[in-house]
């Protein structure tokens, strides 16, 4: 049975870990067979999709994480 999982991100990419944690979980789940991942960016979460972001020291690159999801799932704004 196929699983379909939707993540809604409405916080900006940096300043807290909410977007990072959501994308980390989405990346992990996308590796499972028969699992479809969708990420919906709204509000400040749209900033996660900005190209060529400057990643603050001590943070993961959210743009790269979204790229992984794009190759294995779907991202919508």
PDB file of N, CA and C in Angstrom:
ATOM      1  N   UNK A   1       0.839  -1.179   0.000  1.00  0.00           N
ATOM      2  CA  UNK A   1       0.000   0.000   0.000  1.00  0.00           C
ATOM      3  C   UNK A   1       0.885   1.245   0.000  1.00  0.00           C
ATOM      4  N   UNK A   2       0.608   2.154  -0.909  1.00  0.00           N
ATOM      5  CA  UNK A   2       1.409   3.366  -1.040  1.00  0.00           C
ATOM      6  C   UNK A   2       1.036   4.398   0.022  1.00  0.00           C
ATOM      7  N   UNK A   3       2.069   5.035   0.584  1.00  0.00           N
ATOM      8  CA  UNK A   3       1.872   6.125   1.546  1.00  0.00           C
ATOM      9  C   UNK A   3       2.102   7.444   0.844  1.00  0.00           C
ATOM     10  N   UNK A   4       1.253   8.417   1.108  1.00  0.00           N
ATOM     11  CA  UNK A   4       1.427   9.773   0.600  1.00  0.00           C
ATOM     12  C   UNK A   4       1.514  10.694   1.807  1.00  0.00           C
ATOM     13  N   UNK A   5       2.628  11.433   1.888  1.00  0.00           N
ATOM     14  CA  UNK A   5       2.869  12.284   3.052  1.00  0.00           C
ATOM     15  C   UNK A   5       3.085  13.714   2.583  1.00  0.00           C
ATOM     16  N   UNK A   6       2.379  14.652   3.194  1.00  0.00           N
ATOM     17  CA  UNK A   6       2.487  16.068   2.870  1.00  0.00           C
ATOM     18  C   UNK A   6       3.120  16.811   4.043  1.00  0.00           C
ATOM     19  N   UNK A   7       4.154  17.594   3.743  1.00  0.00           N
ATOM     20  CA  UNK A   7       4.780  18.472   4.728  1.00  0.00           C
ATOM     21  C   UNK A   7       4.431  19.903   4.342  1.00  0.00           C
ATOM     22  N   UNK A   8       3.937  20.686   5.284  1.00  0.00           N
ATOM     23  CA  UNK A   8       3.650  22.096   5.056  1.00  0.00           C
ATOM     24  C   UNK A   8       4.658  22.889   5.876  1.00  0.00           C
ATOM     25  N   UNK A   9       5.459  23.682   5.180  1.00  0.00           N
ATOM     26  CA  UNK A   9       6.485  24.492   5.850  1.00  0.00           C
ATOM     27  C   UNK A   9       6.079  25.952   5.714  1.00  0.00           C
ATOM     28  N   UNK A  10       5.856  26.619   6.840  1.00  0.00           N
ATOM     29  CA  UNK A  10       5.479  28.030   6.799  1.00  0.00           C
ATOM     30  C   UNK A  10       6.422  28.910   7.620  1.00  0.00           C
ATOM     31  N   UNK A  11       7.579  28.383   7.989  1.00  0.00           N
ATOM     32  CA  UNK A  11       8.618  29.164   8.663  1.00  0.00           C
ATOM     33  C   UNK A  11       9.790  29.350   7.720  1.00  0.00           C
ATOM     34  N   UNK A  12      10.514  30.432   7.903  1.00  0.00           N
ATOM     35  CA  UNK A  12      11.683  30.718   7.081  1.00  0.00           C
ATOM     36  C   UNK A  12      12.761  29.652   7.240  1.00  0.00           C
ATOM     37  N   UNK A  13      13.741  29.666   6.339  1.00  0.00           N
ATOM     38  CA  UNK A  13      14.752  28.612   6.329  1.00  0.00           C
ATOM     39  C   UNK A  13      15.727  28.660   7.498  1.00  0.00           C
ATOM     40  N   UNK A  14      15.976  29.836   8.031  1.00  0.00           N
ATOM     41  CA  UNK A  14      16.975  29.960   9.088  1.00  0.00           C
ATOM     42  C   UNK A  14      16.405  30.782  10.236  1.00  0.00           C
ATOM     43  N   UNK A  15      17.000  30.665  11.403  1.00  0.00           N
ATOM     44  CA  UNK A  15      16.511  31.362  12.590  1.00  0.00           C
ATOM     45  C   UNK A  15      15.901  30.398  13.593  1.00  0.00           C
ATOM     46  N   UNK A  16      15.384  29.301  13.090  1.00  0.00           N
ATOM     47  CA  UNK A  16      14.928  28.203  13.948  1.00  0.00           C
ATOM     48  C   UNK A  16      15.127  26.912  13.155  1.00  0.00           C
ATOM     49  N   UNK A  17      14.810  25.801  13.732  1.00  0.00           N
ATOM     50  CA  UNK A  17      15.082  24.518  13.076  1.00  0.00           C
ATOM     51  C   UNK A  17      13.839  23.845  12.516  1.00  0.00           C
ATOM     52  N   UNK A  18      12.728  24.542  12.459  1.00  0.00           N
ATOM     53  CA  UNK A  18      11.487  23.910  12.000  1.00  0.00           C
ATOM     54  C   UNK A  18      11.560  23.443  10.548  1.00  0.00           C
ATOM     55  N   UNK A  19      12.021  24.304   9.640  1.00  0.00           N
ATOM     56  CA  UNK A  19      12.131  23.906   8.224  1.00  0.00           C
ATOM     57  C   UNK A  19      13.157  22.790   8.075  1.00  0.00           C
ATOM     58  N   UNK A  20      14.281  22.921   8.759  1.00  0.00           N
ATOM     59  CA  UNK A  20      15.327  21.896   8.694  1.00  0.00           C
ATOM     60  C   UNK A  20      14.798  20.545   9.152  1.00  0.00           C
ATOM     61  N   UNK A  21      14.108  20.508  10.291  1.00  0.00           N
ATOM     62  CA  UNK A  21      13.597  19.243  10.815  1.00  0.00           C
ATOM     63  C   UNK A  21      12.545  18.633   9.889  1.00  0.00           C
ATOM     64  N   UNK A  22      11.685  19.468   9.310  1.00  0.00           N
ATOM     65  CA  UNK A  22      10.673  18.961   8.380  1.00  0.00           C
ATOM     66  C   UNK A  22      11.334  18.361   7.144  1.00  0.00           C
ATOM     67  N   UNK A  23      12.337  19.048   6.609  1.00  0.00           N
ATOM     68  CA  UNK A  23      13.014  18.545   5.414  1.00  0.00           C
ATOM     69  C   UNK A  23      13.863  17.323   5.716  1.00  0.00           C
ATOM     70  N   UNK A  24      14.454  17.287   6.877  1.00  0.00           N
ATOM     71  CA  UNK A  24      15.246  16.114   7.262  1.00  0.00           C
ATOM     72  C   UNK A  24      14.350  14.877   7.329  1.00  0.00           C
ATOM     73  N   UNK A  25      13.177  15.025   7.925  1.00  0.00           N
ATOM     74  CA  UNK A  25      12.235  13.912   8.002  1.00  0.00           C
ATOM     75  C   UNK A  25      11.717  13.547   6.606  1.00  0.00           C
ATOM     76  N   UNK A  26      11.420  14.549   5.783  1.00  0.00           N
ATOM     77  CA  UNK A  26      10.945  14.292   4.425  1.00  0.00           C
ATOM     78  C   UNK A  26      11.995  13.537   3.615  1.00  0.00           C
ATOM     79  N   UNK A  27      13.256  13.927   3.748  1.00  0.00           N
ATOM     80  CA  UNK A  27      14.333  13.246   3.031  1.00  0.00           C
ATOM     81  C   UNK A  27      14.437  11.792   3.472  1.00  0.00           C
ATOM     82  N   UNK A  28      14.338  11.575   4.755  1.00  0.00           N
ATOM     83  CA  UNK A  28      14.441  10.215   5.280  1.00  0.00           C
ATOM     84  C   UNK A  28      13.286   9.345   4.792  1.00  0.00           C
ATOM     85  N   UNK A  29      12.074   9.885   4.842  1.00  0.00           N
ATOM     86  CA  UNK A  29      10.901   9.119   4.421  1.00  0.00           C
ATOM     87  C   UNK A  29      10.892   8.880   2.913  1.00  0.00           C
ATOM     88  N   UNK A  30      11.497   9.789   2.136  1.00  0.00           N
ATOM     89  CA  UNK A  30      11.492   9.627   0.680  1.00  0.00           C
ATOM     90  C   UNK A  30      12.321   8.428   0.230  1.00  0.00           C
ATOM     91  N   UNK A  31      13.147   7.900   1.102  1.00  0.00           N
ATOM     92  CA  UNK A  31      13.975   6.739   0.770  1.00  0.00           C
ATOM     93  C   UNK A  31      13.189   5.435   0.869  1.00  0.00           C
ATOM     94  N   UNK A  32      12.018   5.492   1.477  1.00  0.00           N
ATOM     95  CA  UNK A  32      11.210   4.289   1.643  1.00  0.00           C
ATOM     96  C   UNK A  32      10.474   3.951   0.356  1.00  0.00           C
ATOM     97  N   UNK A  33      10.354   2.671   0.083  1.00  0.00           N
ATOM     98  CA  UNK A  33       9.586   2.223  -1.069  1.00  0.00           C
ATOM     99  C   UNK A  33       8.113   2.535  -0.850  1.00  0.00           C
ATOM    100  N   UNK A  34       7.435   2.803  -1.944  1.00  0.00           N
ATOM    101  CA  UNK A  34       5.989   3.054  -1.927  1.00  0.00           C
ATOM    102  C   UNK A  34       5.591   4.243  -1.053  1.00  0.00           C
ATOM    103  N   UNK A  35       6.478   5.240  -0.966  1.00  0.00           N
ATOM    104  CA  UNK A  35       6.176   6.447  -0.207  1.00  0.00           C
ATOM    105  C   UNK A  35       6.361   7.654  -1.105  1.00  0.00           C
ATOM    106  N   UNK A  36       5.317   8.476  -1.208  1.00  0.00           N
ATOM    107  CA  UNK A  36       5.373   9.705  -1.997  1.00  0.00           C
ATOM    108  C   UNK A  36       5.404  10.880  -1.034  1.00  0.00           C
ATOM    109  N   UNK A  37       6.382  11.758  -1.231  1.00  0.00           N
ATOM    110  CA  UNK A  37       6.547  12.928  -0.367  1.00  0.00           C
ATOM    111  C   UNK A  37       6.201  14.186  -1.150  1.00  0.00           C
ATOM    112  N   UNK A  38       5.437  15.055  -0.529  1.00  0.00           N
ATOM    113  CA  UNK A  38       5.151  16.380  -1.077  1.00  0.00           C
ATOM    114  C   UNK A  38       5.488  17.407  -0.012  1.00  0.00           C
ATOM    115  N   UNK A  39       6.109  18.487  -0.445  1.00  0.00           N
ATOM    116  CA  UNK A  39       6.426  19.589   0.453  1.00  0.00           C
ATOM    117  C   UNK A  39       5.732  20.828  -0.099  1.00  0.00           C
ATOM    118  N   UNK A  40       4.930  21.467   0.729  1.00  0.00           N
ATOM    119  CA  UNK A  40       4.229  22.683   0.338  1.00  0.00           C
ATOM    120  C   UNK A  40       4.814  23.826   1.148  1.00  0.00           C
ATOM    121  N   UNK A  41       5.301  24.853   0.445  1.00  0.00           N
ATOM    122  CA  UNK A  41       5.895  26.021   1.099  1.00  0.00           C
ATOM    123  C   UNK A  41       4.899  27.170   1.066  1.00  0.00           C
ATOM    124  N   UNK A  42       4.641  27.756   2.223  1.00  0.00           N
ATOM    125  CA  UNK A  42       3.716  28.888   2.282  1.00  0.00           C
ATOM    126  C   UNK A  42       4.240  29.924   3.270  1.00  0.00           C
ATOM    127  N   UNK A  43       3.779  31.142   3.125  1.00  0.00           N
ATOM    128  CA  UNK A  43       4.217  32.216   4.012  1.00  0.00           C
ATOM    129  C   UNK A  43       5.732  32.382   3.949  1.00  0.00           C
ATOM    130  N   UNK A  44       6.358  32.485   5.108  1.00  0.00           N
ATOM    131  CA  UNK A  44       7.815  32.629   5.175  1.00  0.00           C
ATOM    132  C   UNK A  44       8.545  31.394   4.657  1.00  0.00           C
ATOM    133  N   UNK A  45       7.872  30.269   4.593  1.00  0.00           N
ATOM    134  CA  UNK A  45       8.480  29.044   4.103  1.00  0.00           C
ATOM    135  C   UNK A  45       8.901  29.122   2.643  1.00  0.00           C
ATOM    136  N   UNK A  46       8.295  30.040   1.884  1.00  0.00           N
ATOM    137  CA  UNK A  46       8.665  30.215   0.484  1.00  0.00           C
ATOM    138  C   UNK A  46      10.135  30.628   0.377  1.00  0.00           C
ATOM    139  N   UNK A  47      10.653  31.287   1.397  1.00  0.00           N
ATOM    140  CA  UNK A  47      12.061  31.702   1.400  1.00  0.00           C
ATOM    141  C   UNK A  47      13.005  30.499   1.342  1.00  0.00           C
ATOM    142  N   UNK A  48      12.532  29.327   1.701  1.00  0.00           N
ATOM    143  CA  UNK A  48      13.357  28.116   1.629  1.00  0.00           C
ATOM    144  C   UNK A  48      13.737  27.782   0.196  1.00  0.00           C
ATOM    145  N   UNK A  49      12.948  28.242  -0.772  1.00  0.00           N
ATOM    146  CA  UNK A  49      13.176  27.897  -2.174  1.00  0.00           C
ATOM    147  C   UNK A  49      14.032  28.923  -2.920  1.00  0.00           C
ATOM    148  N   UNK A  50      14.520  29.934  -2.232  1.00  0.00           N
ATOM    149  CA  UNK A  50      15.357  30.951  -2.880  1.00  0.00           C
ATOM    150  C   UNK A  50      16.673  30.326  -3.327  1.00  0.00           C
ATOM    151  N   UNK A  51      17.034  30.542  -4.600  1.00  0.00           N
ATOM    152  CA  UNK A  51      18.282  29.987  -5.137  1.00  0.00           C
ATOM    153  C   UNK A  51      19.484  30.745  -4.598  1.00  0.00           C
ATOM    154  N   UNK A  52      20.598  30.028  -4.504  1.00  0.00           N
ATOM    155  CA  UNK A  52      21.894  30.601  -4.099  1.00  0.00           C
ATOM    156  C   UNK A  52      21.834  31.314  -2.746  1.00  0.00           C
ATOM    157  N   UNK A  53      21.158  30.694  -1.798  1.00  0.00           N
ATOM    158  CA  UNK A  53      21.068  31.259  -0.454  1.00  0.00           C
ATOM    159  C   UNK A  53      22.437  31.276   0.202  1.00  0.00           C
ATOM    160  N   UNK A  54      22.656  32.253   1.037  1.00  0.00           N
ATOM    161  CA  UNK A  54      23.859  32.264   1.857  1.00  0.00           C
ATOM    162  C   UNK A  54      23.490  31.585   3.176  1.00  0.00           C
ATOM    163  N   UNK A  55      24.094  30.449   3.406  1.00  0.00           N
ATOM    164  CA  UNK A  55      23.772  29.666   4.593  1.00  0.00           C
ATOM    165  C   UNK A  55      24.513  30.233   5.801  1.00  0.00           C
ATOM    166  N   UNK A  56      23.785  30.626   6.854  1.00  0.00           N
ATOM    167  CA  UNK A  56      24.448  31.128   8.054  1.00  0.00           C
ATOM    168  C   UNK A  56      25.334  30.055   8.690  1.00  0.00           C
ATOM    169  N   UNK A  57      26.349  30.487   9.360  1.00  0.00           N
ATOM    170  CA  UNK A  57      27.263  29.570  10.032  1.00  0.00           C
ATOM    171  C   UNK A  57      26.497  28.705  11.032  1.00  0.00           C
ATOM    172  N   UNK A  58      26.746  27.418  10.985  1.00  0.00           N
ATOM    173  CA  UNK A  58      26.111  26.497  11.915  1.00  0.00           C
ATOM    174  C   UNK A  58      24.788  25.923  11.441  1.00  0.00           C
ATOM    175  N   UNK A  59      24.335  26.299  10.238  1.00  0.00           N
ATOM    176  CA  UNK A  59      23.071  25.800   9.711  1.00  0.00           C
ATOM    177  C   UNK A  59      23.331  24.927   8.487  1.00  0.00           C
ATOM    178  N   UNK A  60      22.403  24.022   8.198  1.00  0.00           N
ATOM    179  CA  UNK A  60      22.452  23.212   6.988  1.00  0.00           C
ATOM    180  C   UNK A  60      21.895  24.022   5.829  1.00  0.00           C
ATOM    181  N   UNK A  61      22.288  23.686   4.612  1.00  0.00           N
ATOM    182  CA  UNK A  61      21.819  24.389   3.430  1.00  0.00           C
ATOM    183  C   UNK A  61      20.432  23.866   3.042  1.00  0.00           C
ATOM    184  N   UNK A  62      19.423  24.668   3.299  1.00  0.00           N
ATOM    185  CA  UNK A  62      18.030  24.290   3.045  1.00  0.00           C
ATOM    186  C   UNK A  62      17.788  24.128   1.539  1.00  0.00           C
ATOM    187  N   UNK A  63      18.443  24.946   0.739  1.00  0.00           N
ATOM    188  CA  UNK A  63      18.287  24.844  -0.717  1.00  0.00           C
ATOM    189  C   UNK A  63      18.704  23.458  -1.212  1.00  0.00           C
ATOM    190  N   UNK A  64      19.814  22.942  -0.711  1.00  0.00           N
ATOM    191  CA  UNK A  64      20.277  21.609  -1.112  1.00  0.00           C
ATOM    192  C   UNK A  64      19.296  20.532  -0.654  1.00  0.00           C
ATOM    193  N   UNK A  65      18.753  20.706   0.545  1.00  0.00           N
ATOM    194  CA  UNK A  65      17.796  19.726   1.061  1.00  0.00           C
ATOM    195  C   UNK A  65      16.538  19.700   0.185  1.00  0.00           C
ATOM    196  N   UNK A  66      16.071  20.875  -0.218  1.00  0.00           N
ATOM    197  CA  UNK A  66      14.900  20.934  -1.100  1.00  0.00           C
ATOM    198  C   UNK A  66      15.214  20.303  -2.456  1.00  0.00           C
ATOM    199  N   UNK A  67      16.434  20.481  -2.936  1.00  0.00           N
ATOM    200  CA  UNK A  67      16.844  19.861  -4.195  1.00  0.00           C
ATOM    201  C   UNK A  67      16.735  18.352  -4.129  1.00  0.00           C
ATOM    202  N   UNK A  68      17.115  17.788  -3.005  1.00  0.00           N
ATOM    203  CA  UNK A  68      16.999  16.333  -2.823  1.00  0.00           C
ATOM    204  C   UNK A  68      15.528  15.917  -2.901  1.00  0.00           C
ATOM    205  N   UNK A  69      14.672  16.674  -2.240  1.00  0.00           N
ATOM    206  CA  UNK A  69      13.232  16.359  -2.260  1.00  0.00           C
ATOM    207  C   UNK A  69      12.696  16.482  -3.687  1.00  0.00           C
ATOM    208  N   UNK A  70      13.142  17.503  -4.426  1.00  0.00           N
ATOM    209  CA  UNK A  70      12.688  17.657  -5.806  1.00  0.00           C
ATOM    210  C   UNK A  70      13.037  16.462  -6.680  1.00  0.00           C
ATOM    211  N   UNK A  71      14.179  15.848  -6.419  1.00  0.00           N
ATOM    212  CA  UNK A  71      14.577  14.687  -7.204  1.00  0.00           C
ATOM    213  C   UNK A  71      13.789  13.440  -6.801  1.00  0.00           C
ATOM    214  N   UNK A  72      13.266  13.411  -5.575  1.00  0.00           N
ATOM    215  CA  UNK A  72      12.606  12.210  -5.062  1.00  0.00           C
ATOM    216  C   UNK A  72      11.145  12.422  -4.657  1.00  0.00           C
ATOM    217  N   UNK A  73      10.644  13.610  -4.845  1.00  0.00           N
ATOM    218  CA  UNK A  73       9.271  13.909  -4.436  1.00  0.00           C
ATOM    219  C   UNK A  73       8.776  15.140  -5.174  1.00  0.00           C
ATOM    220  N   UNK A  74       8.001  15.968  -4.489  1.00  0.00           N
ATOM    221  CA  UNK A  74       7.438  17.169  -5.103  1.00  0.00           C
ATOM    222  C   UNK A  74       7.513  18.323  -4.125  1.00  0.00           C
ATOM    223  N   UNK A  75       7.762  19.521  -4.665  1.00  0.00           N
ATOM    224  CA  UNK A  75       7.755  20.747  -3.872  1.00  0.00           C
ATOM    225  C   UNK A  75       6.845  21.726  -4.572  1.00  0.00           C
ATOM    226  N   UNK A  76       5.945  22.356  -3.827  1.00  0.00           N
ATOM    227  CA  UNK A  76       5.022  23.351  -4.391  1.00  0.00           C
ATOM    228  C   UNK A  76       5.044  24.597  -3.512  1.00  0.00           C
ATOM    229  N   UNK A  77       4.809  25.745  -4.152  1.00  0.00           N
ATOM    230  CA  UNK A  77       4.716  27.009  -3.408  1.00  0.00           C
ATOM    231  C   UNK A  77       3.379  27.643  -3.669  1.00  0.00           C
TER     232      UNK A  77
END
